[in-house]
């Protein structure tokens, strides 16, 4: 009987081991299926990521092109009125009245200044007679001796006259201001003018 019970216990153990082996095989198959599904999802995710990168890049190009177009469109739209006014003045060709001409020119200057302002351009502020020349913001068009300067007592390298305003856009120089600068009296060289 002991042999029967040992044999029966061995048989039950074997059945349990067989059942565990079947369950492990099922788990392995399920894991293989899950790993395959995860790999397919990862592949799909990589494909979607690549598509997204291409779409974002295309959108950036479109956006950049749109911004350039919009800026140019706005600038052209702003310049149409002053151009029409200048063409009207030329058609009338009445250049005998100085006050009328001055009024038209002042009006055009105000309009163009407003166009620059609306586009975000700002005039570079300069204090003639006080501010020193800065090659990053100014372009010297002439050196003046103290005798020919409007500020004869200004220090050398001081801006003494603004010839043409300079402008910045978003804090960056669009065009430097053209200025005349005080020279040192004893080192003045007229050939450097």
C-alpha atoms as a PDB file:
ATOM      1  CA  UNK A   1       0.000   0.000   0.000  1.00  0.00           C
ATOM      2  CA  UNK A   2       2.842   2.260   0.714  1.00  0.00           C
ATOM      3  CA  UNK A   3       4.072   1.689  -2.792  1.00  0.00           C
ATOM      4  CA  UNK A   4       0.646   2.573  -4.125  1.00  0.00           C
ATOM      5  CA  UNK A   5       0.487   5.747  -2.100  1.00  0.00           C
ATOM      6  CA  UNK A   6       4.063   6.662  -3.136  1.00  0.00           C
ATOM      7  CA  UNK A   7       3.171   5.951  -6.722  1.00  0.00           C
ATOM      8  CA  UNK A   8      -0.044   7.917  -6.395  1.00  0.00           C
ATOM      9  CA  UNK A   9       1.848  10.834  -4.816  1.00  0.00           C
ATOM     10  CA  UNK A  10       4.491  10.671  -7.557  1.00  0.00           C
ATOM     11  CA  UNK A  11       1.710  10.618 -10.142  1.00  0.00           C
ATOM     12  CA  UNK A  12       0.044  13.671  -8.573  1.00  0.00           C
ATOM     13  CA  UNK A  13       3.380  15.458  -8.381  1.00  0.00           C
ATOM     14  CA  UNK A  14       4.005  14.620 -12.026  1.00  0.00           C
ATOM     15  CA  UNK A  15       0.557  15.905 -12.966  1.00  0.00           C
ATOM     16  CA  UNK A  16       1.220  19.114 -11.048  1.00  0.00           C
ATOM     17  CA  UNK A  17       4.584  19.487 -12.761  1.00  0.00           C
ATOM     18  CA  UNK A  18       2.973  18.827 -16.146  1.00  0.00           C
ATOM     19  CA  UNK A  19       0.257  21.379 -15.404  1.00  0.00           C
ATOM     20  CA  UNK A  20       2.887  23.914 -14.282  1.00  0.00           C
ATOM     21  CA  UNK A  21       4.848  23.262 -17.476  1.00  0.00           C
ATOM     22  CA  UNK A  22       1.670  23.843 -19.528  1.00  0.00           C
ATOM     23  CA  UNK A  23       0.985  27.083 -17.647  1.00  0.00           C
ATOM     24  CA  UNK A  24       4.590  28.215 -18.109  1.00  0.00           C
ATOM     25  CA  UNK A  25       4.332  27.456 -21.853  1.00  0.00           C
ATOM     26  CA  UNK A  26       1.101  29.491 -22.011  1.00  0.00           C
ATOM     27  CA  UNK A  27       2.766  32.351 -20.116  1.00  0.00           C
ATOM     28  CA  UNK A  28       5.771  32.177 -22.439  1.00  0.00           C
ATOM     29  CA  UNK A  29       3.469  32.268 -25.490  1.00  0.00           C
ATOM     30  CA  UNK A  30       1.498  35.143 -23.984  1.00  0.00           C
ATOM     31  CA  UNK A  31       4.734  36.996 -23.168  1.00  0.00           C
ATOM     32  CA  UNK A  32       5.976  36.405 -26.702  1.00  0.00           C
ATOM     33  CA  UNK A  33       2.706  37.789 -28.043  1.00  0.00           C
ATOM     34  CA  UNK A  34       2.898  40.780 -25.662  1.00  0.00           C
ATOM     35  CA  UNK A  35       6.535  41.465 -26.569  1.00  0.00           C
ATOM     36  CA  UNK A  36       5.615  41.261 -30.264  1.00  0.00           C
ATOM     37  CA  UNK A  37       2.710  43.672 -29.725  1.00  0.00           C
ATOM     38  CA  UNK A  38       4.964  46.061 -27.768  1.00  0.00           C
ATOM     39  CA  UNK A  39       7.581  45.925 -30.545  1.00  0.00           C
ATOM     40  CA  UNK A  40       4.894  46.666 -33.146  1.00  0.00           C
ATOM     41  CA  UNK A  41       3.669  49.588 -31.009  1.00  0.00           C
ATOM     42  CA  UNK A  42       7.224  50.872 -30.652  1.00  0.00           C
ATOM     43  CA  UNK A  43       7.727  50.638 -34.418  1.00  0.00           C
ATOM     44  CA  UNK A  44       4.460  52.471 -34.971  1.00  0.00           C
ATOM     45  CA  UNK A  45       5.426  55.069 -32.372  1.00  0.00           C
ATOM     46  CA  UNK A  46       8.757  55.650 -34.150  1.00  0.00           C
ATOM     47  CA  UNK A  47       6.887  56.048 -37.440  1.00  0.00           C
ATOM     48  CA  UNK A  48       4.470  58.508 -35.847  1.00  0.00           C
ATOM     49  CA  UNK A  49       7.379  60.363 -34.257  1.00  0.00           C
ATOM     50  CA  UNK A  50       9.106  60.692 -37.630  1.00  0.00           C
ATOM     51  CA  UNK A  51       5.820  61.864 -39.205  1.00  0.00           C
ATOM     52  CA  UNK A  52       5.334  64.392 -36.414  1.00  0.00           C
ATOM     53  CA  UNK A  53       8.869  65.737 -36.830  1.00  0.00           C
ATOM     54  CA  UNK A  54       8.290  66.142 -40.589  1.00  0.00           C
ATOM     55  CA  UNK A  55       4.946  67.880 -39.993  1.00  0.00           C
ATOM     56  CA  UNK A  56       6.392  70.237 -37.359  1.00  0.00           C
ATOM     57  CA  UNK A  57       9.275  71.078 -39.677  1.00  0.00           C
ATOM     58  CA  UNK A  58       6.863  71.771 -42.535  1.00  0.00           C
ATOM     59  CA  UNK A  59       4.704  73.915 -40.241  1.00  0.00           C
ATOM     60  CA  UNK A  60       7.753  75.889 -39.126  1.00  0.00           C
ATOM     61  CA  UNK A  61       8.671  76.560 -42.753  1.00  0.00           C
ATOM     62  CA  UNK A  62       5.089  77.553 -43.568  1.00  0.00           C
ATOM     63  CA  UNK A  63       4.928  79.750 -40.474  1.00  0.00           C
ATOM     64  CA  UNK A  64       8.259  81.378 -41.263  1.00  0.00           C
ATOM     65  CA  UNK A  65       7.161  82.005 -44.848  1.00  0.00           C
ATOM     66  CA  UNK A  66       3.845  83.372 -43.595  1.00  0.00           C
ATOM     67  CA  UNK A  67       5.594  85.746 -41.221  1.00  0.00           C
ATOM     68  CA  UNK A  68       7.863  87.042 -43.962  1.00  0.00           C
ATOM     69  CA  UNK A  69       4.902  87.458 -46.313  1.00  0.00           C
ATOM     70  CA  UNK A  70       2.848  89.198 -43.630  1.00  0.00           C
ATOM     71  CA  UNK A  71       5.703  91.548 -42.739  1.00  0.00           C
ATOM     72  CA  UNK A  72       6.294  92.419 -46.386  1.00  0.00           C
ATOM     73  CA  UNK A  73       2.560  92.791 -47.002  1.00  0.00           C
ATOM     74  CA  UNK A  74       2.211  95.112 -43.999  1.00  0.00           C
ATOM     75  CA  UNK A  75       5.221  97.172 -45.053  1.00  0.00           C
ATOM     76  CA  UNK A  76       4.020  97.462 -48.655  1.00  0.00           C
ATOM     77  CA  UNK A  77       0.528  98.374 -47.441  1.00  0.00           C
ATOM     78  CA  UNK A  78       1.986 101.102 -45.246  1.00  0.00           C
ATOM     79  CA  UNK A  79       4.126 102.518 -48.069  1.00  0.00           C
ATOM     80  CA  UNK A  80       1.277 102.808 -50.587  1.00  0.00           C
ATOM     81  CA  UNK A  81      -0.187 105.995 -49.034  1.00  0.00           C
ATOM     82  CA  UNK A  82       3.089 107.951 -48.949  1.00  0.00           C
ATOM     83  CA  UNK A  83       3.865 106.821 -52.493  1.00  0.00           C
ATOM     84  CA  UNK A  84       0.430 107.985 -53.669  1.00  0.00           C
ATOM     85  CA  UNK A  85       0.973 111.344 -51.980  1.00  0.00           C
ATOM     86  CA  UNK A  86       4.385 111.775 -53.644  1.00  0.00           C
ATOM     87  CA  UNK A  87       2.966 110.817 -57.052  1.00  0.00           C
ATOM     88  CA  UNK A  88       0.113 113.286 -56.562  1.00  0.00           C
ATOM     89  CA  UNK A  89       2.602 116.055 -55.725  1.00  0.00           C
ATOM     90  CA  UNK A  90       4.613 115.230 -58.842  1.00  0.00           C
ATOM     91  CA  UNK A  91       1.522 115.238 -61.085  1.00  0.00           C
ATOM     92  CA  UNK A  92       0.439 118.644 -59.839  1.00  0.00           C
ATOM     93  CA  UNK A  93       4.014 119.862 -60.293  1.00  0.00           C
ATOM     94  CA  UNK A  94       3.351 123.056 -58.330  1.00  0.00           C
ATOM     95  CA  UNK A  95       6.701 123.627 -56.701  1.00  0.00           C
ATOM     96  CA  UNK A  96       6.299 127.389 -56.400  1.00  0.00           C
ATOM     97  CA  UNK A  97       4.730 127.479 -52.929  1.00  0.00           C
ATOM     98  CA  UNK A  98       7.421 126.682 -50.377  1.00  0.00           C
ATOM     99  CA  UNK A  99       4.904 126.294 -47.532  1.00  0.00           C
ATOM    100  CA  UNK A 100       2.919 123.675 -49.467  1.00  0.00           C
ATOM    101  CA  UNK A 101       6.048 121.746 -50.381  1.00  0.00           C
ATOM    102  CA  UNK A 102       7.255 121.895 -46.763  1.00  0.00           C
ATOM    103  CA  UNK A 103       3.850 120.652 -45.550  1.00  0.00           C
ATOM    104  CA  UNK A 104       3.925 117.710 -47.978  1.00  0.00           C
ATOM    105  CA  UNK A 105       7.481 116.757 -47.073  1.00  0.00           C
ATOM    106  CA  UNK A 106       6.740 116.994 -43.333  1.00  0.00           C
ATOM    107  CA  UNK A 107       3.624 114.868 -43.806  1.00  0.00           C
ATOM    108  CA  UNK A 108       5.616 112.248 -45.720  1.00  0.00           C
ATOM    109  CA  UNK A 109       8.325 112.208 -43.033  1.00  0.00           C
ATOM    110  CA  UNK A 110       5.696 111.690 -40.306  1.00  0.00           C
ATOM    111  CA  UNK A 111       4.032 108.921 -42.315  1.00  0.00           C
ATOM    112  CA  UNK A 112       7.321 107.111 -42.970  1.00  0.00           C
ATOM    113  CA  UNK A 113       8.339 107.472 -39.301  1.00  0.00           C
ATOM    114  CA  UNK A 114       4.996 105.937 -38.312  1.00  0.00           C
ATOM    115  CA  UNK A 115       5.495 103.074 -40.789  1.00  0.00           C
ATOM    116  CA  UNK A 116       8.868 102.311 -39.203  1.00  0.00           C
ATOM    117  CA  UNK A 117       7.354 102.506 -35.733  1.00  0.00           C
ATOM    118  CA  UNK A 118       4.487 100.143 -36.616  1.00  0.00           C
ATOM    119  CA  UNK A 119       7.000  97.698 -38.058  1.00  0.00           C
ATOM    120  CA  UNK A 120       8.857  97.769 -34.714  1.00  0.00           C
ATOM    121  CA  UNK A 121      11.830  99.929 -35.719  1.00  0.00           C
ATOM    122  CA  UNK A 122      13.039 102.414 -33.122  1.00  0.00           C
ATOM    123  CA  UNK A 123      15.285 105.436 -33.601  1.00  0.00           C
ATOM    124  CA  UNK A 124      18.665 105.166 -31.855  1.00  0.00           C
ATOM    125  CA  UNK A 125      18.638 107.940 -29.228  1.00  0.00           C
ATOM    126  CA  UNK A 126      21.695 110.213 -29.353  1.00  0.00           C
ATOM    127  CA  UNK A 127      22.635 113.253 -27.259  1.00  0.00           C
ATOM    128  CA  UNK A 128      24.929 115.432 -29.431  1.00  0.00           C
ATOM    129  CA  UNK A 129      27.628 117.191 -27.468  1.00  0.00           C
ATOM    130  CA  UNK A 130      27.405 114.626 -24.626  1.00  0.00           C
ATOM    131  CA  UNK A 131      27.466 111.091 -25.998  1.00  0.00           C
ATOM    132  CA  UNK A 132      30.701 109.382 -27.014  1.00  0.00           C
ATOM    133  CA  UNK A 133      31.029 107.680 -30.382  1.00  0.00           C
ATOM    134  CA  UNK A 134      30.200 103.936 -30.263  1.00  0.00           C
ATOM    135  CA  UNK A 135      31.180 102.062 -33.454  1.00  0.00           C
ATOM    136  CA  UNK A 136      28.519  99.433 -32.691  1.00  0.00           C
ATOM    137  CA  UNK A 137      25.725 102.021 -32.907  1.00  0.00           C
ATOM    138  CA  UNK A 138      27.203 104.879 -34.927  1.00  0.00           C
ATOM    139  CA  UNK A 139      29.049 105.432 -38.209  1.00  0.00           C
ATOM    140  CA  UNK A 140      31.395 108.387 -38.269  1.00  0.00           C
ATOM    141  CA  UNK A 141      31.018 110.273 -41.546  1.00  0.00           C
ATOM    142  CA  UNK A 142      33.253 113.200 -40.583  1.00  0.00           C
ATOM    143  CA  UNK A 143      35.689 114.320 -37.893  1.00  0.00           C
ATOM    144  CA  UNK A 144      35.335 117.966 -36.882  1.00  0.00           C
ATOM    145  CA  UNK A 145      37.919 120.202 -35.260  1.00  0.00           C
ATOM    146  CA  UNK A 146      36.736 122.002 -32.140  1.00  0.00           C
ATOM    147  CA  UNK A 147      36.765 125.224 -34.193  1.00  0.00           C
ATOM    148  CA  UNK A 148      34.273 123.822 -36.747  1.00  0.00           C
ATOM    149  CA  UNK A 149      32.205 121.893 -34.213  1.00  0.00           C
ATOM    150  CA  UNK A 150      28.797 123.051 -32.908  1.00  0.00           C
ATOM    151  CA  UNK A 151      30.128 121.931 -29.468  1.00  0.00           C
ATOM    152  CA  UNK A 152      33.695 123.334 -29.391  1.00  0.00           C
ATOM    153  CA  UNK A 153      34.240 122.367 -25.740  1.00  0.00           C
ATOM    154  CA  UNK A 154      33.152 118.738 -26.226  1.00  0.00           C
ATOM    155  CA  UNK A 155      35.661 115.992 -25.462  1.00  0.00           C
ATOM    156  CA  UNK A 156      37.367 114.157 -28.337  1.00  0.00           C
ATOM    157  CA  UNK A 157      35.297 111.219 -29.716  1.00  0.00           C
ATOM    158  CA  UNK A 158      32.068 112.983 -28.717  1.00  0.00           C
ATOM    159  CA  UNK A 159      29.222 113.005 -31.220  1.00  0.00           C
ATOM    160  CA  UNK A 160      28.632 116.627 -32.178  1.00  0.00           C
ATOM    161  CA  UNK A 161      26.083 116.282 -35.001  1.00  0.00           C
ATOM    162  CA  UNK A 162      23.610 113.667 -36.258  1.00  0.00           C
ATOM    163  CA  UNK A 163      23.735 113.463 -40.042  1.00  0.00           C
ATOM    164  CA  UNK A 164      21.229 110.606 -40.371  1.00  0.00           C
ATOM    165  CA  UNK A 165      19.252 108.773 -37.704  1.00  0.00           C
ATOM    166  CA  UNK A 166      19.983 105.117 -37.057  1.00  0.00           C
ATOM    167  CA  UNK A 167      17.375 102.481 -36.203  1.00  0.00           C
ATOM    168  CA  UNK A 168      17.079  99.260 -34.246  1.00  0.00           C
ATOM    169  CA  UNK A 169      14.632  96.398 -34.644  1.00  0.00           C
ATOM    170  CA  UNK A 170      14.039  94.071 -31.689  1.00  0.00           C
ATOM    171  CA  UNK A 171      17.153  95.501 -30.029  1.00  0.00           C
ATOM    172  CA  UNK A 172      19.383  94.793 -33.040  1.00  0.00           C
ATOM    173  CA  UNK A 173      20.896  97.471 -35.272  1.00  0.00           C
ATOM    174  CA  UNK A 174      19.056  97.912 -38.576  1.00  0.00           C
ATOM    175  CA  UNK A 175      21.242 100.799 -39.633  1.00  0.00           C
ATOM    176  CA  UNK A 176      23.752 102.714 -37.519  1.00  0.00           C
ATOM    177  CA  UNK A 177      23.323 106.448 -37.021  1.00  0.00           C
ATOM    178  CA  UNK A 178      25.568 108.538 -39.258  1.00  0.00           C
ATOM    179  CA  UNK A 179      27.297 111.131 -37.100  1.00  0.00           C
ATOM    180  CA  UNK A 180      30.019 113.739 -37.016  1.00  0.00           C
ATOM    181  CA  UNK A 181      32.553 113.319 -34.223  1.00  0.00           C
ATOM    182  CA  UNK A 182      34.778 115.784 -32.358  1.00  0.00           C
ATOM    183  CA  UNK A 183      38.461 115.297 -33.165  1.00  0.00           C
ATOM    184  CA  UNK A 184      41.411 116.203 -31.001  1.00  0.00           C
ATOM    185  CA  UNK A 185      42.616 119.678 -31.958  1.00  0.00           C
ATOM    186  CA  UNK A 186      46.323 118.859 -32.158  1.00  0.00           C
ATOM    187  CA  UNK A 187      45.854 115.511 -33.950  1.00  0.00           C
ATOM    188  CA  UNK A 188      43.354 116.682 -36.541  1.00  0.00           C
ATOM    189  CA  UNK A 189      44.174 115.370 -40.017  1.00  0.00           C
ATOM    190  CA  UNK A 190      41.999 116.864 -42.788  1.00  0.00           C
ATOM    191  CA  UNK A 191      42.909 113.953 -45.076  1.00  0.00           C
ATOM    192  CA  UNK A 192      40.964 111.603 -42.735  1.00  0.00           C
ATOM    193  CA  UNK A 193      37.708 113.497 -43.384  1.00  0.00           C
END
